[in-house]
Amino acid sequence: MRLRYSCVCMFLTALLAQFQTEASAKVTRLEVLSKAPYGTFKPGQYVRWDVRMVGELSPTTETIPDLRRAVRNERGTVDYATRVTLIMLAEPGRGNGSLLIDVPNRGRAISLSLYNSPRNSVIPLGSFDHGTGFLQDAGYSLLVVPWELGQGTELPSVVEYDGKRLYIEATALAVVRDVADFFASSTADSVGTPNPLMGAVNRTIAIGYSQSGRFLRSFLLHGFNSAEGRRVFSGMHILGAASGYILLRLNQGPESGAGAATTFAEPDVRGINEEPIAISEIVERISKRGENPPRLMFINTTTDYFSLRASLGRTGAVGSSDQPIPPNVRIYDMAGASHALIRGQSQCKLPYAIMDWHPIMRSTLAILDRWVSTEVLPPPSELMPLQISGDDPTVLRAPNHLPSSLVLIPVRDQDGHPTGGIRLPDVAVPIGSHGGQNAPLSFICALASSYVPFAKTKDEREAANDARLSLAERYRDRNDYVDRVRVVTRELEKRGFLLSEDADVIVNAAVQTPPL
């Protein structure tokens, strides 16, 4: 009798363990909403699927604030859903094995803009235009995972004592985790609908830009890069978010409350620049938890140091010395680059920045993918030397809640360009000054920065009281200019920071430069 009772207990324990495993199995249903051809590229035909992903979370095992109070389904778990876009080869096995997880910026897909934009014609955020076709020609699969309220995402909610319904925006971290993990490792959903990428993916790379880059820093810090013992993202490619987090809390909706950012008008928004703030400190936290940290690649622009406190990602909240960069991290500063590239008539005092940094995004993605897939080490970090900003009014000051922090900015040369970092020909062989602060320091002007062309002749610059050398004083003629561009371009290509196709485009553009 005692043996039978023991067996029953063991069976119930196993059943309960299975239920708990299934309750935390996350994605439960893949509902295909539409399928359409996307285009033909080097590996073959691509297709676009728009899909509704339905999942559930265990309120007792997730470390999400307020989830225990959330409205539950009949199984005692908490439901969520999001509408994702999957761009993949019609025969997924013909791809390169890499799945890019696009974490949208303010509801807008970012990957095609960051990687497929041609020179002088930026694909707008949120667009699914092919552009150069770089990602598809290289065989990447692309998954866009909305995570904000009002952007196709249905997040759990709590009902307060007064009857008010509030949405748990922190659940977005689990949504991205679960959806990414499903496409990377699951065979099918709970009703048998197959994962279309099963067997075609052997690595996952998350892509974040500005707001969604801060989302990924929060994702790492709070332990969401692990799903049932598996590492979710092998790598992360993050632009313009070296030192911030995302503010995720209870929100009434219907729109997201995660759009908060520090600005010159509101420099002390909490939840953005918080400790641990240095990249090295985040990696240390992850390692102490026993997690295998992903390969992290941070790309900084000049604007990020002036308008977004990027230096704190290097120094932390105390002092002005760089903390050691962990072995799994690379930081690449793009000298003279702006945080945002905006086309059209400038709303600011100076013209918007024009330097095309998309070639660096393409080359560093290729470097990161090779690092993740083959263990080939990337080039060392390329940093701009920094100096304390002091009371410079064009620099976003340190937050009041971090009294020991110092905001540092790049050391600049006589043309106003930062020294060091990755130096595209636009800065190494310039015809104007790139990436200076733009007035007034509104949200747009502070992120779009500026471009100020050089005078054509010495007389012209002296008449304008411009201390920067004119084009005629810098270059003997067009051939001299193009030769210098060619030397710099081929050196960057040799070091891996330009792909050969981009190097050719840059040299050809130099030949056609109007001022010369």
Protein backbone atom coordinates (compact mmCIF):
# COMPACT_ATOMS: atom_id res chain seq x y z
CA MET A 1 0.00 0.00 0.00
CA ARG A 2 2.81 2.37 0.93
CA LEU A 3 4.56 1.51 -2.36
CA ARG A 4 1.37 2.27 -4.33
CA TYR A 5 0.97 5.59 -2.48
CA SER A 6 4.62 6.40 -3.21
CA CYS A 7 4.14 5.64 -6.91
CA VAL A 8 1.04 7.83 -7.08
CA CYS A 9 2.94 10.66 -5.42
CA MET A 10 5.79 10.26 -7.87
CA PHE A 11 3.31 10.27 -10.78
CA LEU A 12 1.57 13.39 -9.52
CA THR A 13 4.91 15.09 -8.95
CA ALA A 14 5.97 14.27 -12.50
CA LEU A 15 2.61 15.41 -13.86
CA LEU A 16 2.86 18.67 -11.93
CA ALA A 17 6.40 19.19 -13.19
CA GLN A 18 5.17 18.57 -16.74
CA PHE A 19 2.31 21.05 -16.24
CA GLN A 20 4.72 23.63 -14.90
CA THR A 21 7.04 23.05 -17.85
CA GLU A 22 4.16 23.38 -20.28
CA ALA A 23 2.81 26.42 -18.45
CA SER A 24 6.14 28.09 -19.01
CA ALA A 25 6.50 26.70 -22.54
CA LYS A 26 5.64 30.22 -23.69
CA VAL A 27 4.41 30.37 -27.31
CA THR A 28 1.30 28.22 -27.73
CA ARG A 29 -0.07 29.19 -31.13
CA LEU A 30 1.22 30.44 -34.48
CA GLU A 31 -1.63 31.93 -36.52
CA VAL A 32 -0.67 32.78 -40.10
CA LEU A 33 -2.53 35.91 -41.17
CA SER A 34 -1.08 36.36 -44.65
CA LYS A 35 1.63 35.14 -47.01
CA ALA A 36 3.08 37.05 -49.96
CA PRO A 37 6.14 36.97 -52.25
CA TYR A 38 8.83 39.39 -51.10
CA GLY A 39 11.37 39.32 -53.94
CA THR A 40 14.12 37.34 -55.62
CA PHE A 41 17.67 37.64 -54.30
CA LYS A 42 20.96 35.77 -54.62
CA PRO A 43 19.92 32.67 -52.58
CA GLY A 44 16.46 32.52 -54.19
CA GLN A 45 12.88 33.63 -53.67
CA TYR A 46 11.97 35.34 -50.38
CA VAL A 47 8.48 35.40 -48.87
CA ARG A 48 6.80 37.55 -46.26
CA TRP A 49 4.57 36.04 -43.59
CA ASP A 50 2.51 38.13 -41.21
CA VAL A 51 1.75 36.04 -38.15
CA ARG A 52 -0.07 36.40 -34.84
CA MET A 53 1.92 34.71 -32.07
CA VAL A 54 -0.07 33.71 -28.98
CA GLY A 55 1.63 32.71 -25.75
CA GLU A 56 1.21 32.41 -22.02
CA LEU A 57 3.34 33.04 -18.97
CA SER A 58 3.44 31.47 -15.53
CA PRO A 59 2.76 34.20 -12.95
CA THR A 60 4.59 32.17 -10.30
CA THR A 61 7.88 31.65 -12.13
CA GLU A 62 8.34 34.84 -14.14
CA THR A 63 10.23 37.72 -12.51
CA ILE A 64 7.94 40.36 -14.00
CA PRO A 65 6.58 42.96 -11.56
CA ASP A 66 2.78 42.77 -11.10
CA LEU A 67 2.41 39.59 -13.18
CA ARG A 68 1.05 37.72 -10.13
CA ARG A 69 -1.83 40.20 -10.11
CA ALA A 70 -2.55 39.82 -13.81
CA VAL A 71 -5.81 38.58 -15.27
CA ARG A 72 -5.46 34.81 -15.80
CA ASN A 73 -6.93 32.30 -18.21
CA GLU A 74 -8.69 29.05 -17.25
CA ARG A 75 -5.29 27.32 -16.89
CA GLY A 76 -4.08 29.85 -14.36
CA THR A 77 -1.55 31.34 -16.75
CA VAL A 78 -1.38 34.80 -18.29
CA ASP A 79 -2.02 35.34 -21.98
CA TYR A 80 -0.25 37.61 -24.45
CA ALA A 81 -0.11 37.98 -28.23
CA THR A 82 1.79 39.96 -30.83
CA ARG A 83 1.69 40.30 -34.61
CA VAL A 84 5.09 39.57 -36.12
CA THR A 85 6.50 39.80 -39.63
CA LEU A 86 8.76 37.06 -40.94
CA ILE A 87 10.82 37.60 -44.10
CA MET A 88 12.53 34.37 -45.13
CA LEU A 89 13.53 32.29 -48.08
CA ALA A 90 10.75 30.23 -49.63
CA GLU A 91 13.19 27.37 -49.03
CA PRO A 92 14.59 28.42 -45.62
CA GLY A 93 17.33 25.81 -45.74
CA ARG A 94 19.07 27.85 -48.44
CA GLY A 95 19.74 30.71 -46.01
CA ASN A 96 22.91 31.41 -44.04
CA GLY A 97 21.54 29.97 -40.78
CA SER A 98 21.24 33.34 -39.06
CA LEU A 99 17.94 34.72 -37.77
CA LEU A 100 17.88 38.47 -37.14
CA ILE A 101 15.36 39.56 -34.51
CA ASP A 102 14.32 43.12 -35.30
CA VAL A 103 13.19 44.90 -32.11
CA PRO A 104 11.20 47.86 -33.47
CA ASN A 105 11.92 51.47 -32.54
CA ARG A 106 8.69 53.20 -31.47
CA GLY A 107 6.69 50.65 -33.41
CA ARG A 108 8.81 50.84 -36.56
CA ALA A 109 10.85 47.97 -37.99
CA ILE A 110 14.52 48.97 -38.15
CA SER A 111 16.56 46.30 -39.94
CA LEU A 112 15.84 47.16 -43.55
CA SER A 113 16.61 50.81 -42.84
CA LEU A 114 19.84 50.04 -40.97
CA TYR A 115 21.26 47.49 -43.40
CA ASN A 116 19.56 47.88 -46.79
CA SER A 117 19.63 51.67 -47.20
CA PRO A 118 21.53 52.78 -50.33
CA ARG A 119 23.84 55.78 -50.31
CA ASN A 120 22.02 59.11 -50.08
CA SER A 121 18.60 57.45 -49.94
CA VAL A 122 17.72 56.26 -46.45
CA ILE A 123 14.92 53.69 -46.17
CA PRO A 124 12.53 55.14 -43.55
CA LEU A 125 12.14 53.28 -40.27
CA GLY A 126 9.09 51.06 -40.50
CA SER A 127 9.46 50.47 -44.22
CA PHE A 128 9.79 46.99 -45.73
CA ASP A 129 11.31 48.26 -48.98
CA HIS A 130 14.06 46.06 -50.39
CA GLY A 131 16.66 48.81 -50.76
CA THR A 132 20.00 47.29 -51.71
CA GLY A 133 18.78 43.81 -50.72
CA PHE A 134 21.90 43.34 -48.59
CA LEU A 135 20.25 41.20 -45.89
CA GLN A 136 18.44 38.98 -48.36
CA ASP A 137 21.43 38.59 -50.69
CA ALA A 138 23.43 37.43 -47.65
CA GLY A 139 20.79 34.81 -46.79
CA TYR A 140 19.52 36.22 -43.50
CA SER A 141 16.06 35.40 -42.14
CA LEU A 142 14.38 38.42 -40.56
CA LEU A 143 11.79 38.41 -37.77
CA VAL A 144 10.19 41.69 -36.66
CA VAL A 145 8.72 41.37 -33.14
CA PRO A 146 6.52 44.29 -31.99
CA TRP A 147 6.59 44.75 -28.23
CA GLU A 148 4.83 48.03 -27.43
CA LEU A 149 1.18 48.72 -26.72
CA GLY A 150 -0.64 50.18 -29.69
CA GLN A 151 1.74 48.45 -32.11
CA GLY A 152 0.05 45.10 -32.64
CA THR A 153 0.93 43.71 -29.21
CA GLU A 154 -1.61 42.45 -26.66
CA LEU A 155 -0.04 42.56 -23.19
CA PRO A 156 -1.40 41.21 -19.90
CA SER A 157 -3.24 43.58 -17.60
CA VAL A 158 -4.24 44.07 -14.00
CA VAL A 159 -7.54 45.50 -12.77
CA GLU A 160 -7.07 47.95 -9.90
CA TYR A 161 -9.44 48.38 -6.94
CA ASP A 162 -11.16 51.28 -8.72
CA GLY A 163 -11.83 49.15 -11.79
CA LYS A 164 -9.11 50.77 -13.88
CA ARG A 165 -7.29 48.39 -16.23
CA LEU A 166 -3.50 48.81 -16.44
CA TYR A 167 -1.21 46.96 -18.84
CA ILE A 168 2.00 45.30 -17.67
CA GLU A 169 4.48 46.68 -20.18
CA ALA A 170 7.41 44.80 -18.65
CA THR A 171 5.84 41.66 -20.14
CA ALA A 172 7.26 42.87 -23.46
CA LEU A 173 10.64 41.48 -22.40
CA ALA A 174 9.15 37.99 -22.12
CA VAL A 175 7.26 38.39 -25.41
CA VAL A 176 10.45 39.07 -27.35
CA ARG A 177 12.23 36.25 -25.53
CA ASP A 178 9.52 33.67 -26.21
CA VAL A 179 8.84 34.53 -29.84
CA ALA A 180 12.55 34.56 -30.69
CA ASP A 181 13.11 31.27 -28.86
CA PHE A 182 10.17 29.63 -30.63
CA PHE A 183 11.46 30.36 -34.14
CA ALA A 184 15.00 29.39 -33.15
CA SER A 185 14.31 26.10 -31.37
CA SER A 186 10.70 24.83 -31.54
CA THR A 187 9.38 22.30 -34.04
CA ALA A 188 5.73 23.31 -33.81
CA ASP A 189 3.20 25.11 -31.64
CA SER A 190 0.86 23.37 -29.19
CA VAL A 191 -1.69 22.49 -31.90
CA GLY A 192 0.88 21.16 -34.34
CA THR A 193 1.41 24.16 -36.64
CA PRO A 194 5.03 23.77 -37.73
CA ASN A 195 7.71 26.36 -37.19
CA PRO A 196 8.63 27.40 -40.76
CA LEU A 197 12.25 28.03 -39.75
CA MET A 198 12.81 24.73 -37.96
CA GLY A 199 16.16 23.29 -39.01
CA ALA A 200 17.14 26.44 -40.90
CA VAL A 201 18.38 28.51 -37.93
CA ASN A 202 21.54 27.86 -35.92
CA ARG A 203 22.10 31.32 -34.45
CA THR A 204 20.05 34.36 -33.48
CA ILE A 205 21.11 38.01 -33.44
CA ALA A 206 18.99 40.76 -31.91
CA ILE A 207 18.99 44.17 -33.57
CA GLY A 208 18.29 47.34 -31.56
CA TYR A 209 18.44 51.02 -32.44
CA SER A 210 18.15 53.86 -29.92
CA GLN A 211 14.96 53.12 -27.94
CA SER A 212 14.97 49.43 -28.84
CA GLY A 213 18.70 49.24 -28.13
CA ARG A 214 17.87 50.38 -24.60
CA PHE A 215 15.22 47.67 -24.57
CA LEU A 216 17.91 45.06 -25.29
CA ARG A 217 20.13 46.38 -22.49
CA SER A 218 17.16 45.97 -20.12
CA PHE A 219 16.49 42.52 -21.61
CA LEU A 220 20.02 41.44 -20.71
CA LEU A 221 20.17 43.04 -17.28
CA HIS A 222 16.91 41.45 -16.11
CA GLY A 223 17.80 37.93 -17.24
CA PHE A 224 15.54 37.48 -20.25
CA ASN A 225 18.24 36.09 -22.55
CA SER A 226 17.63 32.65 -21.13
CA ALA A 227 14.64 30.44 -21.97
CA GLU A 228 14.38 27.09 -20.21
CA GLY A 229 18.17 26.91 -19.99
CA ARG A 230 18.76 27.98 -23.59
CA ARG A 231 20.51 31.20 -24.57
CA VAL A 232 18.01 33.15 -26.67
CA PHE A 233 20.32 35.53 -28.53
CA SER A 234 23.79 34.50 -29.61
CA GLY A 235 24.64 38.10 -30.42
CA MET A 236 23.27 41.63 -30.24
CA HIS A 237 23.93 44.47 -32.67
CA ILE A 238 23.01 47.75 -30.97
CA LEU A 239 23.20 51.24 -32.46
CA GLY A 240 22.93 54.42 -30.42
CA ALA A 241 22.16 52.94 -26.99
CA ALA A 242 25.41 52.48 -25.09
CA SER A 243 24.21 53.80 -21.75
CA GLY A 244 20.43 53.63 -21.31
CA TYR A 245 17.56 51.35 -20.33
CA ILE A 246 13.87 51.30 -21.24
CA LEU A 247 11.17 52.42 -18.81
CA LEU A 248 8.57 49.60 -18.59
CA ARG A 249 5.82 49.89 -16.00
CA LEU A 250 2.05 49.69 -15.52
CA ASN A 251 0.40 51.79 -18.18
CA GLN A 252 -3.21 52.68 -18.89
CA GLY A 253 -2.77 52.58 -22.66
CA PRO A 254 -3.91 52.49 -25.37
CA GLU A 255 -0.47 53.69 -26.46
CA SER A 256 2.87 52.60 -25.02
CA GLY A 257 4.43 54.39 -22.08
CA ALA A 258 7.90 53.21 -23.14
CA GLY A 259 8.64 56.24 -25.29
CA ALA A 260 10.23 58.27 -22.50
CA ALA A 261 13.74 59.53 -23.24
CA THR A 262 16.17 61.99 -21.74
CA THR A 263 16.31 65.28 -23.63
CA PHE A 264 17.83 68.71 -23.08
CA ALA A 265 14.36 69.86 -21.97
CA GLU A 266 13.95 66.88 -19.59
CA PRO A 267 17.41 65.57 -18.65
CA ASP A 268 16.37 63.79 -15.43
CA VAL A 269 13.84 61.22 -16.62
CA ARG A 270 14.19 58.20 -14.32
CA GLY A 271 14.50 54.66 -15.59
CA ILE A 272 16.80 55.59 -18.48
CA ASN A 273 20.30 56.28 -17.11
CA GLU A 274 20.43 54.04 -14.04
CA GLU A 275 23.05 51.84 -12.41
CA PRO A 276 24.56 49.50 -13.39
CA ILE A 277 25.16 51.71 -16.40
CA ALA A 278 28.50 50.59 -17.85
CA ILE A 279 28.44 47.77 -20.40
CA SER A 280 31.08 45.92 -18.39
CA GLU A 281 28.84 46.03 -15.31
CA ILE A 282 25.94 44.45 -17.19
CA VAL A 283 28.16 41.63 -18.44
CA GLU A 284 29.45 41.08 -14.91
CA ARG A 285 25.87 40.74 -13.61
CA ILE A 286 25.02 38.23 -16.34
CA SER A 287 28.12 36.14 -15.66
CA LYS A 288 27.51 36.09 -11.90
CA ARG A 289 24.05 34.64 -12.54
CA GLY A 290 25.72 31.77 -14.37
CA GLU A 291 24.42 32.80 -17.79
CA ASN A 292 26.44 32.58 -20.98
CA PRO A 293 26.51 36.19 -22.18
CA PRO A 294 25.95 36.86 -25.88
CA ARG A 295 28.45 38.54 -28.18
CA LEU A 296 27.66 42.23 -27.90
CA MET A 297 28.49 44.85 -30.50
CA PHE A 298 27.72 48.48 -29.67
CA ILE A 299 27.91 51.12 -32.41
CA ASN A 300 28.09 54.73 -31.20
CA THR A 301 27.72 57.93 -33.17
CA THR A 302 29.27 61.27 -32.28
CA THR A 303 25.81 62.57 -31.42
CA ASP A 304 25.34 59.79 -28.87
CA TYR A 305 28.13 61.28 -26.75
CA PHE A 306 26.80 64.84 -26.91
CA SER A 307 23.06 64.19 -26.69
CA LEU A 308 22.67 60.74 -25.10
CA ARG A 309 25.52 60.34 -22.55
CA ALA A 310 27.15 57.44 -24.39
CA SER A 311 30.31 57.89 -22.33
CA LEU A 312 28.55 56.45 -19.26
CA GLY A 313 28.41 53.11 -21.06
CA ARG A 314 32.21 53.16 -21.02
CA THR A 315 32.97 54.75 -17.64
CA GLY A 316 29.98 53.89 -15.49
CA ALA A 317 28.41 56.30 -13.02
CA VAL A 318 31.63 57.35 -11.31
CA GLY A 319 34.74 59.04 -12.67
CA SER A 320 36.12 59.55 -16.14
CA SER A 321 38.16 56.39 -16.75
CA ASP A 322 37.05 53.71 -19.20
CA GLN A 323 36.20 50.41 -17.58
CA PRO A 324 37.77 47.34 -19.21
CA ILE A 325 35.80 46.06 -22.20
CA PRO A 326 34.81 42.42 -21.62
CA PRO A 327 36.02 39.81 -24.14
CA ASN A 328 32.47 39.25 -25.46
CA VAL A 329 32.02 42.97 -26.25
CA ARG A 330 33.13 45.28 -29.02
CA ILE A 331 32.44 49.01 -29.12
CA TYR A 332 32.84 50.84 -32.40
CA ASP A 333 32.59 54.64 -32.46
CA MET A 334 31.75 56.22 -35.81
CA ALA A 335 33.56 59.56 -35.94
CA GLY A 336 31.36 62.39 -37.22
CA ALA A 337 28.21 60.25 -37.47
CA SER A 338 24.79 61.48 -36.37
CA HIS A 339 22.30 59.49 -34.32
CA ALA A 340 19.60 60.03 -36.93
CA LEU A 341 19.76 60.64 -40.67
CA ILE A 342 16.86 62.85 -41.69
CA ARG A 343 16.27 63.90 -45.27
CA GLY A 344 14.54 67.08 -46.38
CA GLN A 345 14.54 70.70 -45.28
CA SER A 346 16.15 71.17 -41.89
CA GLN A 347 14.00 72.41 -39.01
CA CYS A 348 17.20 73.46 -37.22
CA LYS A 349 19.70 76.29 -37.53
CA LEU A 350 22.11 74.23 -39.66
CA PRO A 351 21.52 71.61 -42.37
CA TYR A 352 20.92 68.07 -41.13
CA ALA A 353 23.84 65.65 -41.02
CA ILE A 354 24.41 63.77 -44.28
CA MET A 355 27.23 61.29 -43.60
CA ASP A 356 26.07 57.82 -44.65
CA TRP A 357 27.02 55.39 -41.86
CA HIS A 358 25.00 52.43 -43.19
CA PRO A 359 28.15 50.79 -44.67
CA ILE A 360 29.50 50.46 -41.10
CA MET A 361 26.27 48.84 -39.98
CA ARG A 362 26.55 46.30 -42.79
CA SER A 363 30.21 45.50 -42.20
CA THR A 364 29.89 45.19 -38.42
CA LEU A 365 26.84 42.93 -38.76
CA ALA A 366 28.90 40.68 -41.01
CA ILE A 367 31.72 40.76 -38.45
CA LEU A 368 29.34 39.93 -35.59
CA ASP A 369 27.68 37.10 -37.52
CA ARG A 370 31.08 35.59 -38.30
CA TRP A 371 32.08 35.95 -34.61
CA VAL A 372 28.92 34.16 -33.49
CA SER A 373 29.01 31.41 -36.11
CA THR A 374 32.72 30.62 -36.49
CA GLU A 375 34.42 32.11 -33.40
CA VAL A 376 36.59 34.33 -35.62
CA LEU A 377 37.49 37.28 -33.41
CA PRO A 378 36.36 40.70 -34.65
CA PRO A 379 38.71 43.68 -34.88
CA PRO A 380 39.47 45.36 -31.55
CA SER A 381 37.12 48.08 -30.35
CA GLU A 382 37.59 51.44 -32.09
CA LEU A 383 37.00 54.25 -29.60
CA MET A 384 37.10 58.01 -29.83
CA PRO A 385 39.27 59.59 -27.11
CA LEU A 386 37.11 61.49 -24.63
CA GLN A 387 37.37 64.58 -22.46
CA ILE A 388 35.18 65.93 -19.67
CA SER A 389 32.41 68.09 -21.13
CA GLY A 390 32.35 70.52 -18.20
CA ASP A 391 29.65 73.18 -18.54
CA ASP A 392 29.34 72.95 -22.32
CA PRO A 393 25.66 73.85 -22.94
CA THR A 394 25.57 71.73 -26.12
CA VAL A 395 26.15 68.55 -24.07
CA LEU A 396 23.35 66.74 -22.21
CA ARG A 397 24.42 67.11 -18.60
CA ALA A 398 24.77 64.23 -16.14
CA PRO A 399 21.53 63.25 -14.36
CA ASN A 400 21.00 64.66 -10.88
CA HIS A 401 20.36 61.19 -9.44
CA LEU A 402 23.91 60.12 -10.41
CA PRO A 403 25.87 62.88 -8.64
CA SER A 404 29.27 61.25 -9.17
CA SER A 405 28.83 60.71 -12.91
CA LEU A 406 30.77 62.69 -15.50
CA VAL A 407 29.62 63.07 -19.08
CA LEU A 408 32.52 62.90 -21.51
CA ILE A 409 32.61 63.95 -25.15
CA PRO A 410 35.00 63.21 -28.02
CA VAL A 411 38.17 65.24 -28.44
CA ARG A 412 37.80 67.19 -31.71
CA ASP A 413 40.21 68.42 -34.37
CA GLN A 414 40.35 71.82 -36.08
CA ASP A 415 37.47 70.86 -38.39
CA GLY A 416 35.22 69.90 -35.47
CA HIS A 417 35.55 66.17 -36.17
CA PRO A 418 36.23 63.73 -33.34
CA THR A 419 39.63 62.10 -33.27
CA GLY A 420 39.89 58.31 -33.24
CA GLY A 421 37.06 55.88 -33.91
CA ILE A 422 36.15 54.43 -37.29
CA ARG A 423 36.82 57.24 -39.75
CA LEU A 424 34.92 57.02 -43.01
CA PRO A 425 36.34 59.03 -45.93
CA ASP A 426 33.72 61.72 -45.20
CA VAL A 427 35.76 62.55 -42.07
CA ALA A 428 39.23 61.34 -43.05
CA VAL A 429 39.11 63.20 -46.39
CA PRO A 430 36.44 65.80 -45.67
CA ILE A 431 34.69 68.40 -47.78
CA GLY A 432 32.78 69.71 -44.75
CA SER A 433 32.28 69.22 -41.01
CA HIS A 434 30.06 66.34 -39.94
CA GLY A 435 28.16 65.60 -36.74
CA GLY A 436 28.27 68.92 -34.90
CA GLN A 437 25.49 69.84 -32.50
CA ASN A 438 22.56 71.65 -34.09
CA ALA A 439 20.47 74.42 -32.59
CA PRO A 440 17.97 74.62 -31.07
CA LEU A 441 18.65 71.54 -28.94
CA SER A 442 15.19 70.09 -29.52
CA PHE A 443 14.64 66.33 -29.72
CA ILE A 444 15.04 66.33 -33.51
CA CYS A 445 17.92 68.81 -33.78
CA ALA A 446 19.89 67.19 -30.96
CA LEU A 447 19.77 63.79 -32.68
CA ALA A 448 20.01 64.82 -36.34
CA SER A 449 23.15 66.98 -35.74
CA SER A 450 24.59 69.00 -38.61
CA TYR A 451 26.70 69.26 -41.75
CA VAL A 452 28.61 72.45 -42.60
CA PRO A 453 30.46 72.43 -45.97
CA PHE A 454 33.89 73.99 -46.37
CA ALA A 455 34.39 77.14 -48.41
CA LYS A 456 35.66 76.49 -51.93
CA THR A 457 38.52 79.01 -51.82
CA LYS A 458 40.71 80.80 -49.30
CA ASP A 459 39.15 84.15 -50.13
CA GLU A 460 35.67 82.74 -49.61
CA ARG A 461 36.48 81.29 -46.19
CA GLU A 462 38.27 84.45 -45.03
CA ALA A 463 35.28 86.55 -46.06
CA ALA A 464 33.10 84.26 -43.96
CA ASN A 465 35.60 84.32 -41.07
CA ASP A 466 35.84 80.53 -41.29
CA ALA A 467 38.96 79.06 -39.65
CA ARG A 468 38.59 75.74 -41.48
CA LEU A 469 40.74 75.30 -44.58
CA SER A 470 38.95 75.66 -47.90
CA LEU A 471 38.71 72.90 -50.49
CA ALA A 472 41.33 74.62 -52.65
CA GLU A 473 43.75 74.68 -49.71
CA ARG A 474 43.20 71.00 -48.96
CA TYR A 475 43.24 69.35 -52.38
CA ARG A 476 45.24 70.10 -55.53
CA ASP A 477 42.40 68.93 -57.76
CA ARG A 478 39.71 66.28 -58.08
CA ASN A 479 42.23 63.50 -58.72
CA ASP A 480 44.09 64.36 -55.52
CA TYR A 481 40.83 64.20 -53.55
CA VAL A 482 39.70 60.92 -55.14
CA ASP A 483 43.12 59.33 -54.59
CA ARG A 484 42.98 60.14 -50.89
CA VAL A 485 39.44 58.78 -50.63
CA ARG A 486 40.55 55.60 -52.38
CA VAL A 487 43.45 55.05 -49.95
CA VAL A 488 41.25 55.51 -46.87
CA THR A 489 38.46 53.37 -48.32
CA ARG A 490 40.69 50.44 -49.22
CA GLU A 491 42.35 50.55 -45.79
CA LEU A 492 38.93 50.33 -44.11
CA GLU A 493 38.05 47.46 -46.43
CA LYS A 494 41.29 45.69 -45.51
CA ARG A 495 40.49 46.04 -41.79
CA GLY A 496 36.98 44.67 -42.30
CA PHE A 497 35.04 47.88 -41.68
CA LEU A 498 33.86 48.22 -45.27
CA LEU A 499 32.47 45.51 -47.51
CA SER A 500 33.93 45.50 -51.02
CA GLU A 501 30.66 46.55 -52.65
CA ASP A 502 30.35 49.53 -50.32
CA ALA A 503 33.98 50.47 -50.89
CA ASP A 504 33.32 50.65 -54.63
CA VAL A 505 30.25 52.83 -54.12
CA ILE A 506 32.20 55.26 -51.92
CA VAL A 507 35.04 55.64 -54.41
CA ASN A 508 32.60 56.14 -57.29
CA ALA A 509 30.73 58.77 -55.28
CA ALA A 510 34.00 60.63 -54.67
CA VAL A 511 34.58 60.87 -58.40
CA GLN A 512 31.18 62.56 -58.76
CA THR A 513 31.47 64.94 -55.78
CA PRO A 514 29.88 68.21 -57.01
CA PRO A 515 32.13 70.73 -55.17
CA LEU A 516 35.20 69.19 -56.81
